[in-house]
Structures are given as C-alpha cells and as structure tokens.
Amino acid sequence: MTANLFADLPADLSAELTHQLATSHSVRVERIVSRGHASPPGFWYDQDETEWVLVVRGAARLRFEDGCVELRPGDHVTIAARRRHRVEWTAPDEPTVWVVVFFPAGG
C-alpha cells in the first residue's frame, strides 16, 4: 500500500500532529506536522534514542544547549541520544512537515 506524506494535512493545527509511519523492534519512523508550534518554555527533549530529523516542507529552528540549527526543506540533522534539544520555532504561515527516524543509541 502506498501513502503520501502530504496527504491529510489539517488546515487548523491547534497542536502538533504526529503519525507513526513505520516501526520495527528497534526503529520508529514518524511524520510530524507543525504550524507555528514550539516546545513549551523551559521544556527540553532528553531522549534515550538517537533521532534523525528531516524537514520536507516548511521551516523550523531547533535549539541545543550550545546553539540553534535552522532547517528548511531538505535539511536534516542527527541528534544523539541524551542531547538536550527543543523546538524553538516552526513556520507560522504554512505547515512544517518533518520525517523523524528514532533508533537505538550507537545503532
């Protein structure tokens, strides 16, 4: 069965939308859709898994303790397990569509 990353993008996003695309015993692939969303003040992700993050539409800014990374379509970043990060900003005027792959640290 085929699917499309851009299908079913809601016009109104009061909260980020996360959809699991594929899983195995050690890997998870998600589509995240944001529109003007950011992590709550003072909140930091601090996860046991490594993340590979790709922005396929829109724009975003991730903050790490040592600086920020701007992401536009086609940009991707690998975030090591336990590296604290947060979503600082996502485009307010269009959906930001992310593909995120979670896998075990050192995997």
PDB file of N, CA and C in Angstrom:
ATOM      1  N   MET A   1       0.841  -1.169   0.000  1.00  0.00           N
ATOM      2  CA  MET A   1       0.000   0.000   0.000  1.00  0.00           C
ATOM      3  C   MET A   1       0.895   1.245   0.000  1.00  0.00           C
ATOM      4  N   THR A   2       0.526   2.239  -0.777  1.00  0.00           N
ATOM      5  CA  THR A   2       1.284   3.478  -0.829  1.00  0.00           C
ATOM      6  C   THR A   2       0.581   4.543   0.008  1.00  0.00           C
ATOM      7  N   ALA A   3       1.348   5.533   0.395  1.00  0.00           N
ATOM      8  CA  ALA A   3       0.821   6.669   1.154  1.00  0.00           C
ATOM      9  C   ALA A   3       1.596   7.906   0.729  1.00  0.00           C
ATOM     10  N   ASN A   4       1.094   9.064   1.106  1.00  0.00           N
ATOM     11  CA  ASN A   4       1.734  10.321   0.742  1.00  0.00           C
ATOM     12  C   ASN A   4       1.938  11.157   2.003  1.00  0.00           C
ATOM     13  N   LEU A   5       3.158  11.667   2.196  1.00  0.00           N
ATOM     14  CA  LEU A   5       3.477  12.470   3.380  1.00  0.00           C
ATOM     15  C   LEU A   5       2.612  13.719   3.489  1.00  0.00           C
ATOM     16  N   PHE A   6       2.136  14.225   2.361  1.00  0.00           N
ATOM     17  CA  PHE A   6       1.404  15.475   2.361  1.00  0.00           C
ATOM     18  C   PHE A   6      -0.111  15.267   2.376  1.00  0.00           C
ATOM     19  N   ALA A   7      -0.556  14.036   2.421  1.00  0.00           N
ATOM     20  CA  ALA A   7      -1.988  13.746   2.491  1.00  0.00           C
ATOM     21  C   ALA A   7      -2.510  14.076   3.890  1.00  0.00           C
ATOM     22  N   ASP A   8      -3.727  14.514   3.939  1.00  0.00           N
ATOM     23  CA  ASP A   8      -4.427  14.737   5.208  1.00  0.00           C
ATOM     24  C   ASP A   8      -3.755  15.771   6.104  1.00  0.00           C
ATOM     25  N   LEU A   9      -3.168  16.810   5.504  1.00  0.00           N
ATOM     26  CA  LEU A   9      -2.623  17.896   6.318  1.00  0.00           C
ATOM     27  C   LEU A   9      -3.780  18.780   6.762  1.00  0.00           C
ATOM     28  N   PRO A  10      -4.010  18.884   8.054  1.00  0.00           N
ATOM     29  CA  PRO A  10      -5.159  19.682   8.512  1.00  0.00           C
ATOM     30  C   PRO A  10      -4.933  21.172   8.280  1.00  0.00           C
ATOM     31  N   ALA A  11      -6.003  21.888   8.001  1.00  0.00           N
ATOM     32  CA  ALA A  11      -5.919  23.335   7.796  1.00  0.00           C
ATOM     33  C   ALA A  11      -5.705  24.056   9.119  1.00  0.00           C
ATOM     34  N   ASP A  12      -6.260  23.509  10.194  1.00  0.00           N
ATOM     35  CA  ASP A  12      -6.126  24.121  11.513  1.00  0.00           C
ATOM     36  C   ASP A  12      -5.377  23.162  12.422  1.00  0.00           C
ATOM     37  N   LEU A  13      -4.257  23.614  12.933  1.00  0.00           N
ATOM     38  CA  LEU A  13      -3.443  22.783  13.826  1.00  0.00           C
ATOM     39  C   LEU A  13      -3.345  23.450  15.192  1.00  0.00           C
ATOM     40  N   SER A  14      -4.212  23.085  16.100  1.00  0.00           N
ATOM     41  CA  SER A  14      -4.121  23.654  17.445  1.00  0.00           C
ATOM     42  C   SER A  14      -2.979  23.010  18.227  1.00  0.00           C
ATOM     43  N   ALA A  15      -2.575  21.805  17.813  1.00  0.00           N
ATOM     44  CA  ALA A  15      -1.437  21.109  18.423  1.00  0.00           C
ATOM     45  C   ALA A  15      -0.682  20.397  17.311  1.00  0.00           C
ATOM     46  N   GLU A  16       0.588  20.112  17.557  1.00  0.00           N
ATOM     47  CA  GLU A  16       1.354  19.345  16.573  1.00  0.00           C
ATOM     48  C   GLU A  16       0.670  18.007  16.332  1.00  0.00           C
ATOM     49  N   LEU A  17       0.788  17.524  15.112  1.00  0.00           N
ATOM     50  CA  LEU A  17       0.198  16.250  14.722  1.00  0.00           C
ATOM     51  C   LEU A  17       1.323  15.257  14.478  1.00  0.00           C
ATOM     52  N   THR A  18       1.281  14.118  15.153  1.00  0.00           N
ATOM     53  CA  THR A  18       2.298  13.078  14.984  1.00  0.00           C
ATOM     54  C   THR A  18       1.620  11.812  14.495  1.00  0.00           C
ATOM     55  N   HIS A  19       2.205  11.219  13.456  1.00  0.00           N
ATOM     56  CA  HIS A  19       1.666   9.998  12.873  1.00  0.00           C
ATOM     57  C   HIS A  19       2.807   8.999  12.678  1.00  0.00           C
ATOM     58  N   GLN A  20       2.647   7.824  13.222  1.00  0.00           N
ATOM     59  CA  GLN A  20       3.664   6.784  13.067  1.00  0.00           C
ATOM     60  C   GLN A  20       3.550   6.171  11.673  1.00  0.00           C
ATOM     61  N   LEU A  21       4.653   6.230  10.912  1.00  0.00           N
ATOM     62  CA  LEU A  21       4.660   5.721   9.545  1.00  0.00           C
ATOM     63  C   LEU A  21       5.121   4.282   9.455  1.00  0.00           C
ATOM     64  N   ALA A  22       6.097   3.914  10.285  1.00  0.00           N
ATOM     65  CA  ALA A  22       6.646   2.554  10.253  1.00  0.00           C
ATOM     66  C   ALA A  22       7.353   2.269  11.567  1.00  0.00           C
ATOM     67  N   THR A  23       7.361   0.999  11.946  1.00  0.00           N
ATOM     68  CA  THR A  23       8.064   0.599  13.170  1.00  0.00           C
ATOM     69  C   THR A  23       8.672  -0.781  12.989  1.00  0.00           C
ATOM     70  N   SER A  24       9.687  -1.025  13.781  1.00  0.00           N
ATOM     71  CA  SER A  24      10.232  -2.374  13.944  1.00  0.00           C
ATOM     72  C   SER A  24      10.558  -2.509  15.422  1.00  0.00           C
ATOM     73  N   HIS A  25      11.249  -3.562  15.792  1.00  0.00           N
ATOM     74  CA  HIS A  25      11.566  -3.729  17.212  1.00  0.00           C
ATOM     75  C   HIS A  25      12.527  -2.648  17.716  1.00  0.00           C
ATOM     76  N   SER A  26      13.284  -1.991  16.823  1.00  0.00           N
ATOM     77  CA  SER A  26      14.268  -1.016  17.288  1.00  0.00           C
ATOM     78  C   SER A  26      14.228   0.332  16.555  1.00  0.00           C
ATOM     79  N   VAL A  27      13.373   0.466  15.537  1.00  0.00           N
ATOM     80  CA  VAL A  27      13.315   1.707  14.753  1.00  0.00           C
ATOM     81  C   VAL A  27      11.864   2.172  14.655  1.00  0.00           C
ATOM     82  N   ARG A  28      11.682   3.489  14.760  1.00  0.00           N
ATOM     83  CA  ARG A  28      10.356   4.093  14.618  1.00  0.00           C
ATOM     84  C   ARG A  28      10.483   5.273  13.666  1.00  0.00           C
ATOM     85  N   VAL A  29       9.573   5.378  12.685  1.00  0.00           N
ATOM     86  CA  VAL A  29       9.556   6.481  11.727  1.00  0.00           C
ATOM     87  C   VAL A  29       8.236   7.216  11.915  1.00  0.00           C
ATOM     88  N   GLU A  30       8.334   8.542  12.108  1.00  0.00           N
ATOM     89  CA  GLU A  30       7.145   9.354  12.333  1.00  0.00           C
ATOM     90  C   GLU A  30       7.090  10.529  11.373  1.00  0.00           C
ATOM     91  N   ARG A  31       5.875  10.951  11.071  1.00  0.00           N
ATOM     92  CA  ARG A  31       5.653  12.227  10.395  1.00  0.00           C
ATOM     93  C   ARG A  31       5.098  13.167  11.454  1.00  0.00           C
ATOM     94  N   ILE A  32       5.708  14.342  11.557  1.00  0.00           N
ATOM     95  CA  ILE A  32       5.227  15.364  12.479  1.00  0.00           C
ATOM     96  C   ILE A  32       4.842  16.579  11.636  1.00  0.00           C
ATOM     97  N   VAL A  33       3.676  17.144  11.925  1.00  0.00           N
ATOM     98  CA  VAL A  33       3.223  18.345  11.231  1.00  0.00           C
ATOM     99  C   VAL A  33       3.067  19.452  12.279  1.00  0.00           C
ATOM    100  N   SER A  34       3.759  20.575  12.037  1.00  0.00           N
ATOM    101  CA  SER A  34       3.722  21.730  12.932  1.00  0.00           C
ATOM    102  C   SER A  34       3.286  22.955  12.133  1.00  0.00           C
ATOM    103  N   ARG A  35       2.735  23.911  12.825  1.00  0.00           N
ATOM    104  CA  ARG A  35       2.410  25.195  12.190  1.00  0.00           C
ATOM    105  C   ARG A  35       2.445  26.263  13.282  1.00  0.00           C
ATOM    106  N   GLY A  36       3.597  26.902  13.410  1.00  0.00           N
ATOM    107  CA  GLY A  36       3.761  27.906  14.446  1.00  0.00           C
ATOM    108  C   GLY A  36       3.953  27.325  15.838  1.00  0.00           C
ATOM    109  N   HIS A  37       4.268  26.044  15.920  1.00  0.00           N
ATOM    110  CA  HIS A  37       4.437  25.407  17.220  1.00  0.00           C
ATOM    111  C   HIS A  37       5.886  25.501  17.702  1.00  0.00           C
ATOM    112  N   ALA A  38       6.039  25.418  19.000  1.00  0.00           N
ATOM    113  CA  ALA A  38       7.349  25.390  19.647  1.00  0.00           C
ATOM    114  C   ALA A  38       7.207  24.583  20.936  1.00  0.00           C
ATOM    115  N   SER A  39       8.326  24.131  21.456  1.00  0.00           N
ATOM    116  CA  SER A  39       8.305  23.442  22.748  1.00  0.00           C
ATOM    117  C   SER A  39       7.872  24.432  23.837  1.00  0.00           C
ATOM    118  N   PRO A  40       7.197  23.938  24.863  1.00  0.00           N
ATOM    119  CA  PRO A  40       6.805  24.840  25.958  1.00  0.00           C
ATOM    120  C   PRO A  40       8.036  25.486  26.609  1.00  0.00           C
ATOM    121  N   PRO A  41       7.885  26.687  27.150  1.00  0.00           N
ATOM    122  CA  PRO A  41       9.010  27.351  27.816  1.00  0.00           C
ATOM    123  C   PRO A  41       9.631  26.442  28.883  1.00  0.00           C
ATOM    124  N   GLY A  42      10.952  26.351  28.853  1.00  0.00           N
ATOM    125  CA  GLY A  42      11.675  25.552  29.840  1.00  0.00           C
ATOM    126  C   GLY A  42      11.715  24.058  29.562  1.00  0.00           C
ATOM    127  N   PHE A  43      10.980  23.589  28.529  1.00  0.00           N
ATOM    128  CA  PHE A  43      10.943  22.151  28.219  1.00  0.00           C
ATOM    129  C   PHE A  43      12.089  21.780  27.291  1.00  0.00           C
ATOM    130  N   TRP A  44      12.755  20.671  27.600  1.00  0.00           N
ATOM    131  CA  TRP A  44      13.823  20.128  26.750  1.00  0.00           C
ATOM    132  C   TRP A  44      13.566  18.644  26.516  1.00  0.00           C
ATOM    133  N   TYR A  45      13.689  18.197  25.256  1.00  0.00           N
ATOM    134  CA  TYR A  45      13.705  16.763  24.973  1.00  0.00           C
ATOM    135  C   TYR A  45      15.045  16.222  25.446  1.00  0.00           C
ATOM    136  N   ASP A  46      15.022  15.066  26.085  1.00  0.00           N
ATOM    137  CA  ASP A  46      16.229  14.399  26.579  1.00  0.00           C
ATOM    138  C   ASP A  46      15.939  12.908  26.478  1.00  0.00           C
ATOM    139  N   GLN A  47      16.151  12.349  25.295  1.00  0.00           N
ATOM    140  CA  GLN A  47      15.649  11.026  24.957  1.00  0.00           C
ATOM    141  C   GLN A  47      16.734   9.961  24.961  1.00  0.00           C
ATOM    142  N   ASP A  48      16.304   8.729  25.170  1.00  0.00           N
ATOM    143  CA  ASP A  48      17.209   7.579  25.161  1.00  0.00           C
ATOM    144  C   ASP A  48      17.608   7.165  23.748  1.00  0.00           C
ATOM    145  N   GLU A  49      16.836   7.586  22.751  1.00  0.00           N
ATOM    146  CA  GLU A  49      17.079   7.190  21.370  1.00  0.00           C
ATOM    147  C   GLU A  49      17.814   8.278  20.597  1.00  0.00           C
ATOM    148  N   THR A  50      18.514   7.885  19.541  1.00  0.00           N
ATOM    149  CA  THR A  50      19.064   8.820  18.572  1.00  0.00           C
ATOM    150  C   THR A  50      17.938   9.176  17.609  1.00  0.00           C
ATOM    151  N   GLU A  51      17.924  10.419  17.127  1.00  0.00           N
ATOM    152  CA  GLU A  51      16.916  10.879  16.164  1.00  0.00           C
ATOM    153  C   GLU A  51      17.599  11.384  14.905  1.00  0.00           C
ATOM    154  N   TRP A  52      17.046  11.012  13.779  1.00  0.00           N
ATOM    155  CA  TRP A  52      17.417  11.642  12.508  1.00  0.00           C
ATOM    156  C   TRP A  52      16.190  12.426  12.082  1.00  0.00           C
ATOM    157  N   VAL A  53      16.349  13.742  11.892  1.00  0.00           N
ATOM    158  CA  VAL A  53      15.237  14.642  11.625  1.00  0.00           C
ATOM    159  C   VAL A  53      15.426  15.273  10.250  1.00  0.00           C
ATOM    160  N   LEU A  54      14.387  15.213   9.407  1.00  0.00           N
ATOM    161  CA  LEU A  54      14.392  15.797   8.067  1.00  0.00           C
ATOM    162  C   LEU A  54      13.173  16.696   7.937  1.00  0.00           C
ATOM    163  N   VAL A  55      13.380  17.933   7.506  1.00  0.00           N
ATOM    164  CA  VAL A  55      12.258  18.819   7.180  1.00  0.00           C
ATOM    165  C   VAL A  55      12.005  18.684   5.682  1.00  0.00           C
ATOM    166  N   VAL A  56      10.779  18.306   5.321  1.00  0.00           N
ATOM    167  CA  VAL A  56      10.443  18.132   3.900  1.00  0.00           C
ATOM    168  C   VAL A  56       9.574  19.272   3.368  1.00  0.00           C
ATOM    169  N   ARG A  57       8.982  20.044   4.272  1.00  0.00           N
ATOM    170  CA  ARG A  57       8.177  21.211   3.885  1.00  0.00           C
ATOM    171  C   ARG A  57       8.173  22.178   5.059  1.00  0.00           C
ATOM    172  N   GLY A  58       8.154  23.468   4.773  1.00  0.00           N
ATOM    173  CA  GLY A  58       8.106  24.464   5.833  1.00  0.00           C
ATOM    174  C   GLY A  58       9.490  24.838   6.335  1.00  0.00           C
ATOM    175  N   ALA A  59       9.563  25.220   7.607  1.00  0.00           N
ATOM    176  CA  ALA A  59      10.830  25.636   8.208  1.00  0.00           C
ATOM    177  C   ALA A  59      10.728  25.493   9.716  1.00  0.00           C
ATOM    178  N   ALA A  60      11.894  25.313  10.343  1.00  0.00           N
ATOM    179  CA  ALA A  60      11.927  25.144  11.796  1.00  0.00           C
ATOM    180  C   ALA A  60      13.286  25.569  12.337  1.00  0.00           C
ATOM    181  N   ARG A  61      13.294  25.803  13.634  1.00  0.00           N
ATOM    182  CA  ARG A  61      14.551  26.079  14.332  1.00  0.00           C
ATOM    183  C   ARG A  61      14.599  25.177  15.561  1.00  0.00           C
ATOM    184  N   LEU A  62      15.677  24.400  15.655  1.00  0.00           N
ATOM    185  CA  LEU A  62      15.917  23.580  16.839  1.00  0.00           C
ATOM    186  C   LEU A  62      16.968  24.260  17.693  1.00  0.00           C
ATOM    187  N   ARG A  63      16.754  24.271  18.996  1.00  0.00           N
ATOM    188  CA  ARG A  63      17.743  24.821  19.923  1.00  0.00           C
ATOM    189  C   ARG A  63      18.381  23.674  20.689  1.00  0.00           C
ATOM    190  N   PHE A  64      19.702  23.752  20.757  1.00  0.00           N
ATOM    191  CA  PHE A  64      20.504  22.863  21.576  1.00  0.00           C
ATOM    192  C   PHE A  64      21.131  23.723  22.661  1.00  0.00           C
ATOM    193  N   GLU A  65      21.710  23.109  23.660  1.00  0.00           N
ATOM    194  CA  GLU A  65      22.315  23.894  24.735  1.00  0.00           C
ATOM    195  C   GLU A  65      23.469  24.762  24.232  1.00  0.00           C
ATOM    196  N   ASP A  66      24.054  24.365  23.091  1.00  0.00           N
ATOM    197  CA  ASP A  66      25.198  25.121  22.562  1.00  0.00           C
ATOM    198  C   ASP A  66      24.863  25.932  21.314  1.00  0.00           C
ATOM    199  N   GLY A  67      23.576  26.118  20.989  1.00  0.00           N
ATOM    200  CA  GLY A  67      23.214  26.938  19.838  1.00  0.00           C
ATOM    201  C   GLY A  67      21.983  26.428  19.120  1.00  0.00           C
ATOM    202  N   CYS A  68      21.677  27.079  17.991  1.00  0.00           N
ATOM    203  CA  CYS A  68      20.475  26.762  17.205  1.00  0.00           C
ATOM    204  C   CYS A  68      20.849  26.235  15.829  1.00  0.00           C
ATOM    205  N   VAL A  69      19.906  25.481  15.242  1.00  0.00           N
ATOM    206  CA  VAL A  69      20.021  24.980  13.883  1.00  0.00           C
ATOM    207  C   VAL A  69      18.743  25.365  13.152  1.00  0.00           C
ATOM    208  N   GLU A  70      18.878  26.037  12.017  1.00  0.00           N
ATOM    209  CA  GLU A  70      17.741  26.385  11.159  1.00  0.00           C
ATOM    210  C   GLU A  70      17.564  25.263  10.136  1.00  0.00           C
ATOM    211  N   LEU A  71      16.331  24.834   9.940  1.00  0.00           N
ATOM    212  CA  LEU A  71      16.044  23.761   8.994  1.00  0.00           C
ATOM    213  C   LEU A  71      15.026  24.232   7.965  1.00  0.00           C
ATOM    214  N   ARG A  72      15.331  24.018   6.702  1.00  0.00           N
ATOM    215  CA  ARG A  72      14.453  24.308   5.564  1.00  0.00           C
ATOM    216  C   ARG A  72      14.254  22.995   4.804  1.00  0.00           C
ATOM    217  N   PRO A  73      13.384  22.956   3.825  1.00  0.00           N
ATOM    218  CA  PRO A  73      13.151  21.701   3.102  1.00  0.00           C
ATOM    219  C   PRO A  73      14.450  21.066   2.601  1.00  0.00           C
ATOM    220  N   GLY A  74      14.607  19.802   2.924  1.00  0.00           N
ATOM    221  CA  GLY A  74      15.794  19.036   2.540  1.00  0.00           C
ATOM    222  C   GLY A  74      16.871  19.009   3.607  1.00  0.00           C
ATOM    223  N   ASP A  75      16.803  19.916   4.583  1.00  0.00           N
ATOM    224  CA  ASP A  75      17.801  19.921   5.656  1.00  0.00           C
ATOM    225  C   ASP A  75      17.502  18.810   6.647  1.00  0.00           C
ATOM    226  N   HIS A  76      18.564  18.196   7.134  1.00  0.00           N
ATOM    227  CA  HIS A  76      18.396  17.152   8.141  1.00  0.00           C
ATOM    228  C   HIS A  76      19.516  17.221   9.159  1.00  0.00           C
ATOM    229  N   VAL A  77      19.248  16.662  10.322  1.00  0.00           N
ATOM    230  CA  VAL A  77      20.211  16.661  11.419  1.00  0.00           C
ATOM    231  C   VAL A  77      20.036  15.371  12.215  1.00  0.00           C
ATOM    232  N   THR A  78      21.153  14.836  12.697  1.00  0.00           N
ATOM    233  CA  THR A  78      21.119  13.687  13.590  1.00  0.00           C
ATOM    234  C   THR A  78      21.341  14.199  15.008  1.00  0.00           C
ATOM    235  N   ILE A  79      20.438  13.815  15.897  1.00  0.00           N
ATOM    236  CA  ILE A  79      20.500  14.247  17.292  1.00  0.00           C
ATOM    237  C   ILE A  79      20.836  13.024  18.135  1.00  0.00           C
ATOM    238  N   ALA A  80      22.017  13.043  18.732  1.00  0.00           N
ATOM    239  CA  ALA A  80      22.462  11.910  19.550  1.00  0.00           C
ATOM    240  C   ALA A  80      21.537  11.720  20.747  1.00  0.00           C
ATOM    241  N   ALA A  81      21.408  10.482  21.171  1.00  0.00           N
ATOM    242  CA  ALA A  81      20.650  10.183  22.379  1.00  0.00           C
ATOM    243  C   ALA A  81      21.195  11.015  23.532  1.00  0.00           C
ATOM    244  N   ARG A  82      20.290  11.493  24.374  1.00  0.00           N
ATOM    245  CA  ARG A  82      20.597  12.286  25.573  1.00  0.00           C
ATOM    246  C   ARG A  82      21.058  13.701  25.267  1.00  0.00           C
ATOM    247  N   ARG A  83      21.096  14.113  23.973  1.00  0.00           N
ATOM    248  CA  ARG A  83      21.443  15.508  23.658  1.00  0.00           C
ATOM    249  C   ARG A  83      20.184  16.350  23.815  1.00  0.00           C
ATOM    250  N   ARG A  84      20.196  17.198  24.803  1.00  0.00           N
ATOM    251  CA  ARG A  84      19.023  18.023  25.094  1.00  0.00           C
ATOM    252  C   ARG A  84      18.760  18.991  23.941  1.00  0.00           C
ATOM    253  N   HIS A  85      17.484  19.062  23.545  1.00  0.00           N
ATOM    254  CA  HIS A  85      17.080  19.935  22.447  1.00  0.00           C
ATOM    255  C   HIS A  85      15.613  20.312  22.610  1.00  0.00           C
ATOM    256  N   ARG A  86      15.222  21.335  21.871  1.00  0.00           N
ATOM    257  CA  ARG A  86      13.838  21.782  21.892  1.00  0.00           C
ATOM    258  C   ARG A  86      13.494  22.401  20.541  1.00  0.00           C
ATOM    259  N   VAL A  87      12.209  22.443  20.227  1.00  0.00           N
ATOM    260  CA  VAL A  87      11.748  23.128  19.024  1.00  0.00           C
ATOM    261  C   VAL A  87      11.565  24.586  19.415  1.00  0.00           C
ATOM    262  N   GLU A  88      12.389  25.432  18.843  1.00  0.00           N
ATOM    263  CA  GLU A  88      12.368  26.858  19.163  1.00  0.00           C
ATOM    264  C   GLU A  88      11.283  27.597  18.372  1.00  0.00           C
ATOM    265  N   TRP A  89      11.033  27.127  17.125  1.00  0.00           N
ATOM    266  CA  TRP A  89      10.125  27.848  16.240  1.00  0.00           C
ATOM    267  C   TRP A  89       9.792  26.959  15.051  1.00  0.00           C
ATOM    268  N   THR A  90       8.562  27.059  14.549  1.00  0.00           N
ATOM    269  CA  THR A  90       8.196  26.488  13.249  1.00  0.00           C
ATOM    270  C   THR A  90       7.421  27.556  12.478  1.00  0.00           C
ATOM    271  N   ALA A  91       7.464  27.455  11.165  1.00  0.00           N
ATOM    272  CA  ALA A  91       6.827  28.457  10.299  1.00  0.00           C
ATOM    273  C   ALA A  91       5.361  28.646  10.692  1.00  0.00           C
ATOM    274  N   PRO A  92       4.932  29.882  10.902  1.00  0.00           N
ATOM    275  CA  PRO A  92       3.549  30.112  11.311  1.00  0.00           C
ATOM    276  C   PRO A  92       2.553  30.163  10.157  1.00  0.00           C
ATOM    277  N   ASP A  93       3.050  30.357   8.928  1.00  0.00           N
ATOM    278  CA  ASP A  93       2.153  30.592   7.797  1.00  0.00           C
ATOM    279  C   ASP A  93       1.999  29.399   6.858  1.00  0.00           C
ATOM    280  N   GLU A  94       2.630  28.286   7.191  1.00  0.00           N
ATOM    281  CA  GLU A  94       2.500  27.068   6.385  1.00  0.00           C
ATOM    282  C   GLU A  94       2.832  25.869   7.260  1.00  0.00           C
ATOM    283  N   PRO A  95       2.351  24.684   6.895  1.00  0.00           N
ATOM    284  CA  PRO A  95       2.711  23.505   7.676  1.00  0.00           C
ATOM    285  C   PRO A  95       4.201  23.182   7.521  1.00  0.00           C
ATOM    286  N   THR A  96       4.822  22.823   8.629  1.00  0.00           N
ATOM    287  CA  THR A  96       6.162  22.255   8.590  1.00  0.00           C
ATOM    288  C   THR A  96       5.984  20.752   8.732  1.00  0.00           C
ATOM    289  N   VAL A  97       6.457  20.011   7.733  1.00  0.00           N
ATOM    290  CA  VAL A  97       6.330  18.557   7.734  1.00  0.00           C
ATOM    291  C   VAL A  97       7.716  17.980   7.979  1.00  0.00           C
ATOM    292  N   TRP A  98       7.835  17.217   9.041  1.00  0.00           N
ATOM    293  CA  TRP A  98       9.084  16.570   9.439  1.00  0.00           C
ATOM    294  C   TRP A  98       8.960  15.070   9.231  1.00  0.00           C
ATOM    295  N   VAL A  99      10.058  14.422   8.896  1.00  0.00           N
ATOM    296  CA  VAL A  99      10.165  12.969   8.994  1.00  0.00           C
ATOM    297  C   VAL A  99      11.248  12.713  10.028  1.00  0.00           C
ATOM    298  N   VAL A 100      10.900  11.926  11.033  1.00  0.00           N
ATOM    299  CA  VAL A 100      11.823  11.670  12.128  1.00  0.00           C
ATOM    300  C   VAL A 100      11.998  10.158  12.257  1.00  0.00           C
ATOM    301  N   VAL A 101      13.251   9.725  12.294  1.00  0.00           N
ATOM    302  CA  VAL A 101      13.586   8.317  12.483  1.00  0.00           C
ATOM    303  C   VAL A 101      14.259   8.192  13.840  1.00  0.00           C
ATOM    304  N   PHE A 102      13.685   7.382  14.713  1.00  0.00           N
ATOM    305  CA  PHE A 102      14.238   7.114  16.045  1.00  0.00           C
ATOM    306  C   PHE A 102      14.891   5.734  16.010  1.00  0.00           C
ATOM    307  N   PHE A 103      16.107   5.647  16.538  1.00  0.00           N
ATOM    308  CA  PHE A 103      16.788   4.345  16.581  1.00  0.00           C
ATOM    309  C   PHE A 103      17.674   4.296  17.822  1.00  0.00           C
ATOM    310  N   PRO A 104      18.087   3.105  18.233  1.00  0.00           N
ATOM    311  CA  PRO A 104      18.849   2.973  19.475  1.00  0.00           C
ATOM    312  C   PRO A 104      20.173   3.743  19.410  1.00  0.00           C
ATOM    313  N   ALA A 105      20.573   4.268  20.552  1.00  0.00           N
ATOM    314  CA  ALA A 105      21.861   4.956  20.647  1.00  0.00           C
ATOM    315  C   ALA A 105      22.966   4.002  20.229  1.00  0.00           C
ATOM    316  N   GLY A 106      23.910   4.523  19.434  1.00  0.00           N
ATOM    317  CA  GLY A 106      25.018   3.698  18.963  1.00  0.00           C
ATOM    318  C   GLY A 106      24.610   2.735  17.864  1.00  0.00           C
ATOM    319  N   GLY A 107      23.363   2.861  17.357  1.00  0.00           N
ATOM    320  CA  GLY A 107      22.838   1.924  16.355  1.00  0.00           C
ATOM    321  C   GLY A 107      23.099   2.341  14.946  1.00  0.00           C
TER     322      GLY A 107
END
